[in-house]
Full PDB file with SEQRES, HELIX, SHEET, SSBOND, CRYST1, ORIGX, SCALE, CONECT and MASTER records, all heavy atoms in Angstrom:
SEQRES   1 A   41  PHE THR TRP ILE LEU ASN ILE ALA ARG ASN ALA ALA ILE          
SEQRES   2 A   41  ASP GLU VAL ARG SER LYS SER PHE LYS GLU GLN LYS GLN          
SEQRES   3 A   41  ASN LEU THR VAL ASP TYR PHE VAL GLY ILE LEU GLU ALA          
SEQRES   4 A   41  THR GLU                                                      
HELIX    1 AA1 THR A    2  GLN A   24  1                                  23    
HELIX    2 AA2 VAL A   30  ALA A   39  1                                  10    
CRYST1    1.000    1.000    1.000  90.00  90.00  90.00 P 1           1          
ORIGX1      1.000000  0.000000  0.000000        0.00000                         
ORIGX2      0.000000  1.000000  0.000000        0.00000                         
ORIGX3      0.000000  0.000000  1.000000        0.00000                         
SCALE1      1.000000  0.000000  0.000000        0.00000                         
SCALE2      0.000000  1.000000  0.000000        0.00000                         
SCALE3      0.000000  0.000000  1.000000        0.00000                         
ATOM      1  N   PHE A   1    -243.730 113.841 121.248  1.00  0.00           N  
ATOM      2  CA  PHE A   1    -242.469 113.326 121.771  1.00  0.00           C  
ATOM      3  C   PHE A   1    -241.658 114.444 122.422  1.00  0.00           C  
ATOM      4  O   PHE A   1    -241.076 114.261 123.490  1.00  0.00           O  
ATOM      5  CB  PHE A   1    -241.652 112.645 120.666  1.00  0.00           C  
ATOM      6  CG  PHE A   1    -240.337 112.106 121.155  1.00  0.00           C  
ATOM      7  CD1 PHE A   1    -240.275 110.946 121.905  1.00  0.00           C  
ATOM      8  CD2 PHE A   1    -239.161 112.781 120.883  1.00  0.00           C  
ATOM      9  CE1 PHE A   1    -239.071 110.456 122.378  1.00  0.00           C  
ATOM     10  CE2 PHE A   1    -237.940 112.300 121.355  1.00  0.00           C  
ATOM     11  CZ  PHE A   1    -237.899 111.136 122.095  1.00  0.00           C  
ATOM     12  N   THR A   2    -241.614 115.605 121.798  1.00  0.00           N  
ATOM     13  CA  THR A   2    -240.874 116.745 122.356  1.00  0.00           C  
ATOM     14  C   THR A   2    -241.488 117.181 123.679  1.00  0.00           C  
ATOM     15  O   THR A   2    -240.771 117.487 124.635  1.00  0.00           O  
ATOM     16  CB  THR A   2    -240.872 117.917 121.350  1.00  0.00           C  
ATOM     17  OG1 THR A   2    -240.358 117.465 120.109  1.00  0.00           O  
ATOM     18  CG2 THR A   2    -240.041 119.080 121.866  1.00  0.00           C  
ATOM     19  N   TRP A   3    -242.807 117.190 123.742  1.00  0.00           N  
ATOM     20  CA  TRP A   3    -243.514 117.572 124.964  1.00  0.00           C  
ATOM     21  C   TRP A   3    -243.163 116.626 126.110  1.00  0.00           C  
ATOM     22  O   TRP A   3    -242.781 117.061 127.193  1.00  0.00           O  
ATOM     23  CB  TRP A   3    -245.020 117.577 124.696  1.00  0.00           C  
ATOM     24  CG  TRP A   3    -245.879 117.897 125.873  1.00  0.00           C  
ATOM     25  CD1 TRP A   3    -246.040 119.114 126.463  1.00  0.00           C  
ATOM     26  CD2 TRP A   3    -246.704 116.980 126.603  1.00  0.00           C  
ATOM     27  NE1 TRP A   3    -246.927 119.012 127.516  1.00  0.00           N  
ATOM     28  CE2 TRP A   3    -247.344 117.720 127.623  1.00  0.00           C  
ATOM     29  CE3 TRP A   3    -246.965 115.618 126.487  1.00  0.00           C  
ATOM     30  CZ2 TRP A   3    -248.228 117.132 128.523  1.00  0.00           C  
ATOM     31  CZ3 TRP A   3    -247.847 115.039 127.375  1.00  0.00           C  
ATOM     32  CH2 TRP A   3    -248.470 115.790 128.380  1.00  0.00           C  
ATOM     33  N   ILE A   4    -243.246 115.345 125.854  1.00  0.00           N  
ATOM     34  CA  ILE A   4    -242.966 114.375 126.920  1.00  0.00           C  
ATOM     35  C   ILE A   4    -241.473 114.325 127.241  1.00  0.00           C  
ATOM     36  O   ILE A   4    -241.074 114.108 128.380  1.00  0.00           O  
ATOM     37  CB  ILE A   4    -243.555 112.987 126.596  1.00  0.00           C  
ATOM     38  CG1 ILE A   4    -243.714 112.188 127.888  1.00  0.00           C  
ATOM     39  CG2 ILE A   4    -242.735 112.249 125.573  1.00  0.00           C  
ATOM     40  CD1 ILE A   4    -244.663 111.029 127.788  1.00  0.00           C  
ATOM     41  N   LEU A   5    -240.639 114.574 126.237  1.00  0.00           N  
ATOM     42  CA  LEU A   5    -239.197 114.624 126.470  1.00  0.00           C  
ATOM     43  C   LEU A   5    -238.838 115.794 127.389  1.00  0.00           C  
ATOM     44  O   LEU A   5    -237.977 115.662 128.259  1.00  0.00           O  
ATOM     45  CB  LEU A   5    -238.443 114.737 125.148  1.00  0.00           C  
ATOM     46  CG  LEU A   5    -236.925 114.699 125.227  1.00  0.00           C  
ATOM     47  CD1 LEU A   5    -236.459 113.356 125.795  1.00  0.00           C  
ATOM     48  CD2 LEU A   5    -236.310 114.910 123.849  1.00  0.00           C  
ATOM     49  N   ASN A   6    -239.510 116.920 127.240  1.00  0.00           N  
ATOM     50  CA  ASN A   6    -239.279 118.064 128.137  1.00  0.00           C  
ATOM     51  C   ASN A   6    -239.693 117.735 129.559  1.00  0.00           C  
ATOM     52  O   ASN A   6    -239.012 118.111 130.513  1.00  0.00           O  
ATOM     53  CB  ASN A   6    -240.012 119.309 127.636  1.00  0.00           C  
ATOM     54  CG  ASN A   6    -239.277 119.980 126.505  1.00  0.00           C  
ATOM     55  OD1 ASN A   6    -238.060 119.926 126.415  1.00  0.00           O  
ATOM     56  ND2 ASN A   6    -240.021 120.605 125.618  1.00  0.00           N  
ATOM     57  N   ILE A   7    -240.809 117.032 129.712  1.00  0.00           N  
ATOM     58  CA  ILE A   7    -241.233 116.598 131.047  1.00  0.00           C  
ATOM     59  C   ILE A   7    -240.162 115.696 131.650  1.00  0.00           C  
ATOM     60  O   ILE A   7    -239.782 115.828 132.815  1.00  0.00           O  
ATOM     61  CB  ILE A   7    -242.599 115.871 130.991  1.00  0.00           C  
ATOM     62  CG1 ILE A   7    -243.704 116.837 130.567  1.00  0.00           C  
ATOM     63  CG2 ILE A   7    -242.929 115.241 132.343  1.00  0.00           C  
ATOM     64  CD1 ILE A   7    -245.040 116.166 130.277  1.00  0.00           C  
ATOM     65  N   ALA A   8    -239.641 114.778 130.829  1.00  0.00           N  
ATOM     66  CA  ALA A   8    -238.616 113.837 131.288  1.00  0.00           C  
ATOM     67  C   ALA A   8    -237.322 114.553 131.668  1.00  0.00           C  
ATOM     68  O   ALA A   8    -236.713 114.264 132.702  1.00  0.00           O  
ATOM     69  CB  ALA A   8    -238.340 112.800 130.202  1.00  0.00           C  
ATOM     70  N   ARG A   9    -236.914 115.480 130.834  1.00  0.00           N  
ATOM     71  CA  ARG A   9    -235.677 116.224 131.109  1.00  0.00           C  
ATOM     72  C   ARG A   9    -235.799 116.982 132.426  1.00  0.00           C  
ATOM     73  O   ARG A   9    -234.898 116.949 133.271  1.00  0.00           O  
ATOM     74  CB  ARG A   9    -235.382 117.187 129.958  1.00  0.00           C  
ATOM     75  CG  ARG A   9    -234.059 117.932 130.104  1.00  0.00           C  
ATOM     76  CD  ARG A   9    -233.857 118.928 128.981  1.00  0.00           C  
ATOM     77  NE  ARG A   9    -234.834 119.981 128.975  1.00  0.00           N  
ATOM     78  CZ  ARG A   9    -234.796 121.058 129.758  1.00  0.00           C  
ATOM     79  NH1 ARG A   9    -233.828 121.212 130.621  1.00  0.00           N  
ATOM     80  NH2 ARG A   9    -235.727 121.983 129.681  1.00  0.00           N  
ATOM     81  N   ASN A  10    -236.919 117.644 132.624  1.00  0.00           N  
ATOM     82  CA  ASN A  10    -237.120 118.394 133.865  1.00  0.00           C  
ATOM     83  C   ASN A  10    -237.137 117.462 135.083  1.00  0.00           C  
ATOM     84  O   ASN A  10    -236.566 117.784 136.125  1.00  0.00           O  
ATOM     85  CB  ASN A  10    -238.413 119.205 133.799  1.00  0.00           C  
ATOM     86  CG  ASN A  10    -238.306 120.356 132.814  1.00  0.00           C  
ATOM     87  OD1 ASN A  10    -237.220 120.808 132.480  1.00  0.00           O  
ATOM     88  ND2 ASN A  10    -239.439 120.817 132.333  1.00  0.00           N  
ATOM     89  N   ALA A  11    -237.776 116.316 134.940  1.00  0.00           N  
ATOM     90  CA  ALA A  11    -237.819 115.352 136.046  1.00  0.00           C  
ATOM     91  C   ALA A  11    -236.417 114.831 136.366  1.00  0.00           C  
ATOM     92  O   ALA A  11    -236.053 114.676 137.537  1.00  0.00           O  
ATOM     93  CB  ALA A  11    -238.756 114.195 135.703  1.00  0.00           C  
ATOM     94  N   ALA A  12    -235.626 114.564 135.331  1.00  0.00           N  
ATOM     95  CA  ALA A  12    -234.265 114.074 135.547  1.00  0.00           C  
ATOM     96  C   ALA A  12    -233.394 115.139 136.215  1.00  0.00           C  
ATOM     97  O   ALA A  12    -232.621 114.835 137.124  1.00  0.00           O  
ATOM     98  CB  ALA A  12    -233.650 113.639 134.216  1.00  0.00           C  
ATOM     99  N   ILE A  13    -233.540 116.364 135.772  1.00  0.00           N  
ATOM    100  CA  ILE A  13    -232.768 117.456 136.383  1.00  0.00           C  
ATOM    101  C   ILE A  13    -233.173 117.634 137.836  1.00  0.00           C  
ATOM    102  O   ILE A  13    -232.320 117.807 138.713  1.00  0.00           O  
ATOM    103  CB  ILE A  13    -232.935 118.761 135.574  1.00  0.00           C  
ATOM    104  CG1 ILE A  13    -232.210 118.625 134.232  1.00  0.00           C  
ATOM    105  CG2 ILE A  13    -232.421 119.962 136.350  1.00  0.00           C  
ATOM    106  CD1 ILE A  13    -232.507 119.737 133.245  1.00  0.00           C  
ATOM    107  N   ASP A  14    -234.461 117.555 138.112  1.00  0.00           N  
ATOM    108  CA  ASP A  14    -234.929 117.656 139.493  1.00  0.00           C  
ATOM    109  C   ASP A  14    -234.317 116.542 140.342  1.00  0.00           C  
ATOM    110  O   ASP A  14    -233.918 116.768 141.482  1.00  0.00           O  
ATOM    111  CB  ASP A  14    -236.456 117.576 139.565  1.00  0.00           C  
ATOM    112  CG  ASP A  14    -237.141 118.822 139.040  1.00  0.00           C  
ATOM    113  OD1 ASP A  14    -236.448 119.852 138.866  1.00  0.00           O  
ATOM    114  OD2 ASP A  14    -238.364 118.767 138.804  1.00  0.00           O  
ATOM    115  N   GLU A  15    -234.256 115.346 139.792  1.00  0.00           N  
ATOM    116  CA  GLU A  15    -233.676 114.212 140.520  1.00  0.00           C  
ATOM    117  C   GLU A  15    -232.199 114.454 140.816  1.00  0.00           C  
ATOM    118  O   GLU A  15    -231.750 114.246 141.930  1.00  0.00           O  
ATOM    119  CB  GLU A  15    -233.834 112.928 139.706  1.00  0.00           C  
ATOM    120  CG  GLU A  15    -233.090 111.742 140.254  1.00  0.00           C  
ATOM    121  CD  GLU A  15    -233.570 111.284 141.626  1.00  0.00           C  
ATOM    122  OE1 GLU A  15    -234.688 111.627 142.033  1.00  0.00           O  
ATOM    123  OE2 GLU A  15    -232.789 110.577 142.297  1.00  0.00           O  
ATOM    124  N   VAL A  16    -231.469 114.906 139.826  1.00  0.00           N  
ATOM    125  CA  VAL A  16    -230.036 115.159 140.019  1.00  0.00           C  
ATOM    126  C   VAL A  16    -229.830 116.243 141.066  1.00  0.00           C  
ATOM    127  O   VAL A  16    -228.971 116.131 141.935  1.00  0.00           O  
ATOM    128  CB  VAL A  16    -229.358 115.538 138.683  1.00  0.00           C  
ATOM    129  CG1 VAL A  16    -227.961 116.076 138.911  1.00  0.00           C  
ATOM    130  CG2 VAL A  16    -229.317 114.330 137.765  1.00  0.00           C  
ATOM    131  N   ARG A  17    -230.617 117.272 140.998  1.00  0.00           N  
ATOM    132  CA  ARG A  17    -230.480 118.355 141.974  1.00  0.00           C  
ATOM    133  C   ARG A  17    -230.797 117.866 143.377  1.00  0.00           C  
ATOM    134  O   ARG A  17    -230.104 118.206 144.324  1.00  0.00           O  
ATOM    135  CB  ARG A  17    -231.392 119.520 141.610  1.00  0.00           C  
ATOM    136  CG  ARG A  17    -230.874 120.306 140.441  1.00  0.00           C  
ATOM    137  CD  ARG A  17    -231.792 121.447 140.108  1.00  0.00           C  
ATOM    138  NE  ARG A  17    -231.270 122.209 138.984  1.00  0.00           N  
ATOM    139  CZ  ARG A  17    -231.996 123.005 138.247  1.00  0.00           C  
ATOM    140  NH1 ARG A  17    -233.283 123.167 138.501  1.00  0.00           N  
ATOM    141  NH2 ARG A  17    -231.458 123.658 137.248  1.00  0.00           N  
ATOM    142  N   SER A  18    -231.827 117.087 143.528  1.00  0.00           N  
ATOM    143  CA  SER A  18    -232.175 116.631 144.873  1.00  0.00           C  
ATOM    144  C   SER A  18    -231.128 115.661 145.404  1.00  0.00           C  
ATOM    145  O   SER A  18    -230.741 115.729 146.553  1.00  0.00           O  
ATOM    146  CB  SER A  18    -233.561 115.983 144.893  1.00  0.00           C  
ATOM    147  OG  SER A  18    -233.559 114.754 144.211  1.00  0.00           O  
ATOM    148  N   LYS A  19    -230.621 114.788 144.562  1.00  0.00           N  
ATOM    149  CA  LYS A  19    -229.587 113.851 144.987  1.00  0.00           C  
ATOM    150  C   LYS A  19    -228.316 114.612 145.334  1.00  0.00           C  
ATOM    151  O   LYS A  19    -227.696 114.365 146.361  1.00  0.00           O  
ATOM    152  CB  LYS A  19    -229.316 112.846 143.863  1.00  0.00           C  
ATOM    153  CG  LYS A  19    -228.304 111.793 144.216  1.00  0.00           C  
ATOM    154  CD  LYS A  19    -228.118 110.824 143.069  1.00  0.00           C  
ATOM    155  CE  LYS A  19    -227.068 109.794 143.397  1.00  0.00           C  
ATOM    156  NZ  LYS A  19    -226.805 108.903 142.275  1.00  0.00           N  
ATOM    157  N   SER A  20    -227.965 115.559 144.489  1.00  0.00           N  
ATOM    158  CA  SER A  20    -226.780 116.373 144.726  1.00  0.00           C  
ATOM    159  C   SER A  20    -226.925 117.140 146.032  1.00  0.00           C  
ATOM    160  O   SER A  20    -225.982 117.228 146.826  1.00  0.00           O  
ATOM    161  CB  SER A  20    -226.584 117.344 143.568  1.00  0.00           C  
ATOM    162  OG  SER A  20    -225.574 118.267 143.863  1.00  0.00           O  
ATOM    163  N   PHE A  21    -228.101 117.682 146.263  1.00  0.00           N  
ATOM    164  CA  PHE A  21    -228.341 118.435 147.484  1.00  0.00           C  
ATOM    165  C   PHE A  21    -228.147 117.547 148.698  1.00  0.00           C  
ATOM    166  O   PHE A  21    -227.498 117.935 149.673  1.00  0.00           O  
ATOM    167  CB  PHE A  21    -229.757 119.019 147.460  1.00  0.00           C  
ATOM    168  CG  PHE A  21    -230.091 119.826 148.671  1.00  0.00           C  
ATOM    169  CD1 PHE A  21    -229.552 121.087 148.849  1.00  0.00           C  
ATOM    170  CD2 PHE A  21    -230.938 119.342 149.643  1.00  0.00           C  
ATOM    171  CE1 PHE A  21    -229.856 121.846 149.958  1.00  0.00           C  
ATOM    172  CE2 PHE A  21    -231.251 120.082 150.758  1.00  0.00           C  
ATOM    173  CZ  PHE A  21    -230.708 121.336 150.917  1.00  0.00           C  
ATOM    174  N   LYS A  22    -228.682 116.338 148.661  1.00  0.00           N  
ATOM    175  CA  LYS A  22    -228.538 115.413 149.787  1.00  0.00           C  
ATOM    176  C   LYS A  22    -227.075 115.064 150.025  1.00  0.00           C  
ATOM    177  O   LYS A  22    -226.618 115.008 151.154  1.00  0.00           O  
ATOM    178  CB  LYS A  22    -229.347 114.144 149.539  1.00  0.00           C  
ATOM    179  CG  LYS A  22    -230.838 114.352 149.623  1.00  0.00           C  
ATOM    180  CD  LYS A  22    -231.586 113.100 149.244  1.00  0.00           C  
ATOM    181  CE  LYS A  22    -233.075 113.376 149.130  1.00  0.00           C  
ATOM    182  NZ  LYS A  22    -233.801 112.231 148.587  1.00  0.00           N  
ATOM    183  N   GLU A  23    -226.332 114.838 148.945  1.00  0.00           N  
ATOM    184  CA  GLU A  23    -224.916 114.493 149.101  1.00  0.00           C  
ATOM    185  C   GLU A  23    -224.112 115.680 149.620  1.00  0.00           C  
ATOM    186  O   GLU A  23    -223.226 115.518 150.446  1.00  0.00           O  
ATOM    187  CB  GLU A  23    -224.345 114.015 147.767  1.00  0.00           C  
ATOM    188  CG  GLU A  23    -224.844 112.653 147.363  1.00  0.00           C  
ATOM    189  CD  GLU A  23    -224.396 112.255 145.974  1.00  0.00           C  
ATOM    190  OE1 GLU A  23    -223.773 113.068 145.264  1.00  0.00           O  
ATOM    191  OE2 GLU A  23    -224.687 111.124 145.592  1.00  0.00           O  
ATOM    192  N   GLN A  24    -224.443 116.867 149.146  1.00  0.00           N  
ATOM    193  CA  GLN A  24    -223.706 118.045 149.585  1.00  0.00           C  
ATOM    194  C   GLN A  24    -223.940 118.326 151.053  1.00  0.00           C  
ATOM    195  O   GLN A  24    -223.069 118.846 151.732  1.00  0.00           O  
ATOM    196  CB  GLN A  24    -224.096 119.262 148.751  1.00  0.00           C  
ATOM    197  CG  GLN A  24    -223.518 119.224 147.362  1.00  0.00           C  
ATOM    198  CD  GLN A  24    -223.985 120.403 146.527  1.00  0.00           C  
ATOM    199  OE1 GLN A  24    -224.879 121.135 146.895  1.00  0.00           O  
ATOM    200  NE2 GLN A  24    -223.359 120.573 145.384  1.00  0.00           N  
ATOM    201  N   LYS A  25    -225.094 117.983 151.565  1.00  0.00           N  
ATOM    202  CA  LYS A  25    -225.374 118.197 152.988  1.00  0.00           C  
ATOM    203  C   LYS A  25    -224.488 117.318 153.855  1.00  0.00           C  
ATOM    204  O   LYS A  25    -224.328 117.581 155.035  1.00  0.00           O  
ATOM    205  CB  LYS A  25    -226.843 117.924 153.296  1.00  0.00           C  
ATOM    206  CG  LYS A  25    -227.737 119.039 152.875  1.00  0.00           C  
ATOM    207  CD  LYS A  25    -229.076 118.892 153.517  1.00  0.00           C  
ATOM    208  CE  LYS A  25    -229.794 120.202 153.365  1.00  0.00           C  
ATOM    209  NZ  LYS A  25    -230.634 120.528 154.447  1.00  0.00           N  
ATOM    210  N   GLN A  26    -223.920 116.284 153.261  1.00  0.00           N  
ATOM    211  CA  GLN A  26    -223.056 115.404 154.029  1.00  0.00           C  
ATOM    212  C   GLN A  26    -221.601 115.846 153.971  1.00  0.00           C  
ATOM    213  O   GLN A  26    -220.741 115.236 154.575  1.00  0.00           O  
ATOM    214  CB  GLN A  26    -223.172 113.972 153.495  1.00  0.00           C  
ATOM    215  CG  GLN A  26    -224.554 113.385 153.701  1.00  0.00           C  
ATOM    216  CD  GLN A  26    -224.717 112.052 153.019  1.00  0.00           C  
ATOM    217  OE1 GLN A  26    -223.812 111.573 152.346  1.00  0.00           O  
ATOM    218  NE2 GLN A  26    -225.864 111.452 153.191  1.00  0.00           N  
ATOM    219  N   ASN A  27    -221.334 116.896 153.202  1.00  0.00           N  
ATOM    220  CA  ASN A  27    -219.966 117.393 153.101  1.00  0.00           C  
ATOM    221  C   ASN A  27    -219.496 117.963 154.428  1.00  0.00           C  
ATOM    222  O   ASN A  27    -220.266 118.215 155.333  1.00  0.00           O  
ATOM    223  CB  ASN A  27    -219.869 118.482 152.024  1.00  0.00           C  
ATOM    224  CG  ASN A  27    -219.889 117.912 150.633  1.00  0.00           C  
ATOM    225  OD1 ASN A  27    -219.736 116.716 150.432  1.00  0.00           O  
ATOM    226  ND2 ASN A  27    -220.089 118.776 149.664  1.00  0.00           N  
ATOM    227  N   LEU A  28    -218.221 118.212 154.478  1.00  0.00           N  
ATOM    228  CA  LEU A  28    -217.634 118.792 155.678  1.00  0.00           C  
ATOM    229  C   LEU A  28    -218.163 120.195 155.932  1.00  0.00           C  
ATOM    230  O   LEU A  28    -218.406 120.954 155.014  1.00  0.00           O  
ATOM    231  CB  LEU A  28    -216.110 118.863 155.512  1.00  0.00           C  
ATOM    232  CG  LEU A  28    -215.393 117.548 155.270  1.00  0.00           C  
ATOM    233  CD1 LEU A  28    -213.914 117.813 155.028  1.00  0.00           C  
ATOM    234  CD2 LEU A  28    -215.591 116.607 156.418  1.00  0.00           C  
ATOM    235  N   THR A  29    -218.310 120.530 157.192  1.00  0.00           N  
ATOM    236  CA  THR A  29    -218.701 121.888 157.546  1.00  0.00           C  
ATOM    237  C   THR A  29    -217.431 122.733 157.668  1.00  0.00           C  
ATOM    238  O   THR A  29    -216.319 122.202 157.740  1.00  0.00           O  
ATOM    239  CB  THR A  29    -219.442 121.916 158.897  1.00  0.00           C  
ATOM    240  OG1 THR A  29    -218.544 121.488 159.916  1.00  0.00           O  
ATOM    241  CG2 THR A  29    -220.673 121.032 158.863  1.00  0.00           C  
ATOM    242  N   VAL A  30    -217.599 124.023 157.737  1.00  0.00           N  
ATOM    243  CA  VAL A  30    -216.453 124.918 157.906  1.00  0.00           C  
ATOM    244  C   VAL A  30    -215.743 124.593 159.217  1.00  0.00           C  
ATOM    245  O   VAL A  30    -214.514 124.568 159.277  1.00  0.00           O  
ATOM    246  CB  VAL A  30    -216.910 126.398 157.882  1.00  0.00           C  
ATOM    247  CG1 VAL A  30    -215.793 127.308 158.340  1.00  0.00           C  
ATOM    248  CG2 VAL A  30    -217.337 126.782 156.487  1.00  0.00           C  
ATOM    249  N   ASP A  31    -216.505 124.331 160.278  1.00  0.00           N  
ATOM    250  CA  ASP A  31    -215.893 124.018 161.571  1.00  0.00           C  
ATOM    251  C   ASP A  31    -214.978 122.804 161.461  1.00  0.00           C  
ATOM    252  O   ASP A  31    -213.868 122.801 161.999  1.00  0.00           O  
ATOM    253  CB  ASP A  31    -216.968 123.740 162.638  1.00  0.00           C  
ATOM    254  CG  ASP A  31    -217.807 124.969 162.938  1.00  0.00           C  
ATOM    255  OD1 ASP A  31    -217.288 126.091 162.745  1.00  0.00           O  
ATOM    256  OD2 ASP A  31    -218.955 124.799 163.353  1.00  0.00           O  
ATOM    257  N   TYR A  32    -215.442 121.791 160.759  1.00  0.00           N  
ATOM    258  CA  TYR A  32    -214.634 120.590 160.595  1.00  0.00           C  
ATOM    259  C   TYR A  32    -213.395 120.901 159.765  1.00  0.00           C  
ATOM    260  O   TYR A  32    -212.294 120.463 160.068  1.00  0.00           O  
ATOM    261  CB  TYR A  32    -215.467 119.484 159.935  1.00  0.00           C  
ATOM    262  CG  TYR A  32    -214.742 118.170 159.846  1.00  0.00           C  
ATOM    263  CD1 TYR A  32    -214.499 117.408 160.992  1.00  0.00           C  
ATOM    264  CD2 TYR A  32    -214.310 117.691 158.621  1.00  0.00           C  
ATOM    265  CE1 TYR A  32    -213.835 116.199 160.906  1.00  0.00           C  
ATOM    266  CE2 TYR A  32    -213.648 116.487 158.539  1.00  0.00           C  
ATOM    267  CZ  TYR A  32    -213.415 115.742 159.683  1.00  0.00           C  
ATOM    268  OH  TYR A  32    -212.752 114.550 159.595  1.00  0.00           O  
ATOM    269  N   PHE A  33    -213.596 121.715 158.710  1.00  0.00           N  
ATOM    270  CA  PHE A  33    -212.482 122.098 157.852  1.00  0.00           C  
ATOM    271  C   PHE A  33    -211.439 122.877 158.643  1.00  0.00           C  
ATOM    272  O   PHE A  33    -210.242 122.618 158.551  1.00  0.00           O  
ATOM    273  CB  PHE A  33    -213.018 122.939 156.687  1.00  0.00           C  
ATOM    274  CG  PHE A  33    -211.971 123.348 155.690  1.00  0.00           C  
ATOM    275  CD1 PHE A  33    -211.306 122.416 154.931  1.00  0.00           C  
ATOM    276  CD2 PHE A  33    -211.667 124.691 155.515  1.00  0.00           C  
ATOM    277  CE1 PHE A  33    -210.349 122.796 154.012  1.00  0.00           C  
ATOM    278  CE2 PHE A  33    -210.717 125.078 154.600  1.00  0.00           C  
ATOM    279  CZ  PHE A  33    -210.062 124.128 153.847  1.00  0.00           C  
ATOM    280  N   VAL A  34    -211.899 123.828 159.444  1.00  0.00           N  
ATOM    281  CA  VAL A  34    -210.979 124.601 160.286  1.00  0.00           C  
ATOM    282  C   VAL A  34    -210.268 123.664 161.252  1.00  0.00           C  
ATOM    283  O   VAL A  34    -209.070 123.798 161.500  1.00  0.00           O  
ATOM    284  CB  VAL A  34    -211.718 125.734 161.038  1.00  0.00           C  
ATOM    285  CG1 VAL A  34    -210.811 126.384 162.073  1.00  0.00           C  
ATOM    286  CG2 VAL A  34    -212.207 126.775 160.039  1.00  0.00           C  
ATOM    287  N   GLY A  35    -211.002 122.686 161.812  1.00  0.00           N  
ATOM    288  CA  GLY A  35    -210.397 121.712 162.722  1.00  0.00           C  
ATOM    289  C   GLY A  35    -209.282 120.929 162.051  1.00  0.00           C  
ATOM    290  O   GLY A  35    -208.238 120.674 162.649  1.00  0.00           O  
ATOM    291  N   ILE A  36    -209.506 120.536 160.813  1.00  0.00           N  
ATOM    292  CA  ILE A  36    -208.467 119.816 160.063  1.00  0.00           C  
ATOM    293  C   ILE A  36    -207.257 120.723 159.882  1.00  0.00           C  
ATOM    294  O   ILE A  36    -206.115 120.310 160.059  1.00  0.00           O  
ATOM    295  CB  ILE A  36    -208.992 119.339 158.697  1.00  0.00           C  
ATOM    296  CG1 ILE A  36    -210.009 118.216 158.894  1.00  0.00           C  
ATOM    297  CG2 ILE A  36    -207.855 118.863 157.801  1.00  0.00           C  
ATOM    298  CD1 ILE A  36    -210.735 117.813 157.632  1.00  0.00           C  
ATOM    299  N   LEU A  37    -207.518 121.976 159.544  1.00  0.00           N  
ATOM    300  CA  LEU A  37    -206.414 122.912 159.352  1.00  0.00           C  
ATOM    301  C   LEU A  37    -205.641 123.121 160.651  1.00  0.00           C  
ATOM    302  O   LEU A  37    -204.419 123.203 160.646  1.00  0.00           O  
ATOM    303  CB  LEU A  37    -206.941 124.255 158.829  1.00  0.00           C  
ATOM    304  CG  LEU A  37    -207.543 124.238 157.432  1.00  0.00           C  
ATOM    305  CD1 LEU A  37    -208.090 125.621 157.079  1.00  0.00           C  
ATOM    306  CD2 LEU A  37    -206.542 123.785 156.403  1.00  0.00           C  
ATOM    307  N   GLU A  38    -206.363 123.199 161.767  1.00  0.00           N  
ATOM    308  CA  GLU A  38    -205.697 123.395 163.052  1.00  0.00           C  
ATOM    309  C   GLU A  38    -204.862 122.181 163.436  1.00  0.00           C  
ATOM    310  O   GLU A  38    -203.846 122.312 164.104  1.00  0.00           O  
ATOM    311  CB  GLU A  38    -206.739 123.674 164.147  1.00  0.00           C  
ATOM    312  CG  GLU A  38    -207.357 125.036 164.027  1.00  0.00           C  
ATOM    313  CD  GLU A  38    -208.480 125.260 165.032  1.00  0.00           C  
ATOM    314  OE1 GLU A  38    -209.025 124.283 165.574  1.00  0.00           O  
ATOM    315  OE2 GLU A  38    -208.807 126.435 165.256  1.00  0.00           O  
ATOM    316  N   ALA A  39    -205.290 121.012 163.006  1.00  0.00           N  
ATOM    317  CA  ALA A  39    -204.590 119.784 163.356  1.00  0.00           C  
ATOM    318  C   ALA A  39    -203.342 119.551 162.504  1.00  0.00           C  
ATOM    319  O   ALA A  39    -202.564 118.654 162.789  1.00  0.00           O  
ATOM    320  CB  ALA A  39    -205.537 118.591 163.221  1.00  0.00           C  
ATOM    321  N   THR A  40    -203.172 120.356 161.465  1.00  0.00           N  
ATOM    322  CA  THR A  40    -202.003 120.192 160.612  1.00  0.00           C  
ATOM    323  C   THR A  40    -200.756 120.531 161.413  1.00  0.00           C  
ATOM    324  O   THR A  40    -200.598 121.653 161.887  1.00  0.00           O  
ATOM    325  CB  THR A  40    -202.083 121.110 159.369  1.00  0.00           C  
ATOM    326  OG1 THR A  40    -203.295 120.808 158.682  1.00  0.00           O  
ATOM    327  CG2 THR A  40    -200.903 120.912 158.458  1.00  0.00           C  
ATOM    328  N   GLU A  41    -199.895 119.553 161.546  1.00  0.00           N  
ATOM    329  CA  GLU A  41    -198.713 119.747 162.386  1.00  0.00           C  
ATOM    330  C   GLU A  41    -197.540 120.341 161.630  1.00  0.00           C  
ATOM    331  O   GLU A  41    -196.786 121.121 162.166  1.00  0.00           O  
ATOM    332  CB  GLU A  41    -198.317 118.408 163.014  1.00  0.00           C  
ATOM    333  CG  GLU A  41    -199.351 117.905 164.001  1.00  0.00           C  
ATOM    334  CD  GLU A  41    -198.982 116.555 164.577  1.00  0.00           C  
ATOM    335  OE1 GLU A  41    -197.834 116.103 164.379  1.00  0.00           O  
ATOM    336  OE2 GLU A  41    -199.837 115.959 165.230  1.00  0.00           O  
TER     337      GLU A  41                                                      
MASTER        0    0    0    2    0    0    0    6  336    1    0    4          
END                                                                             
């Protein structure tokens, strides 16, 4: 059970990291952030 639980834990962590990575790639870029700052009136 411990052996298979370790496999499961690693697979779940890999999934979270890959999902997180995909979501983070959709975040604002520095250029966009600077643009927002420049637009502040």
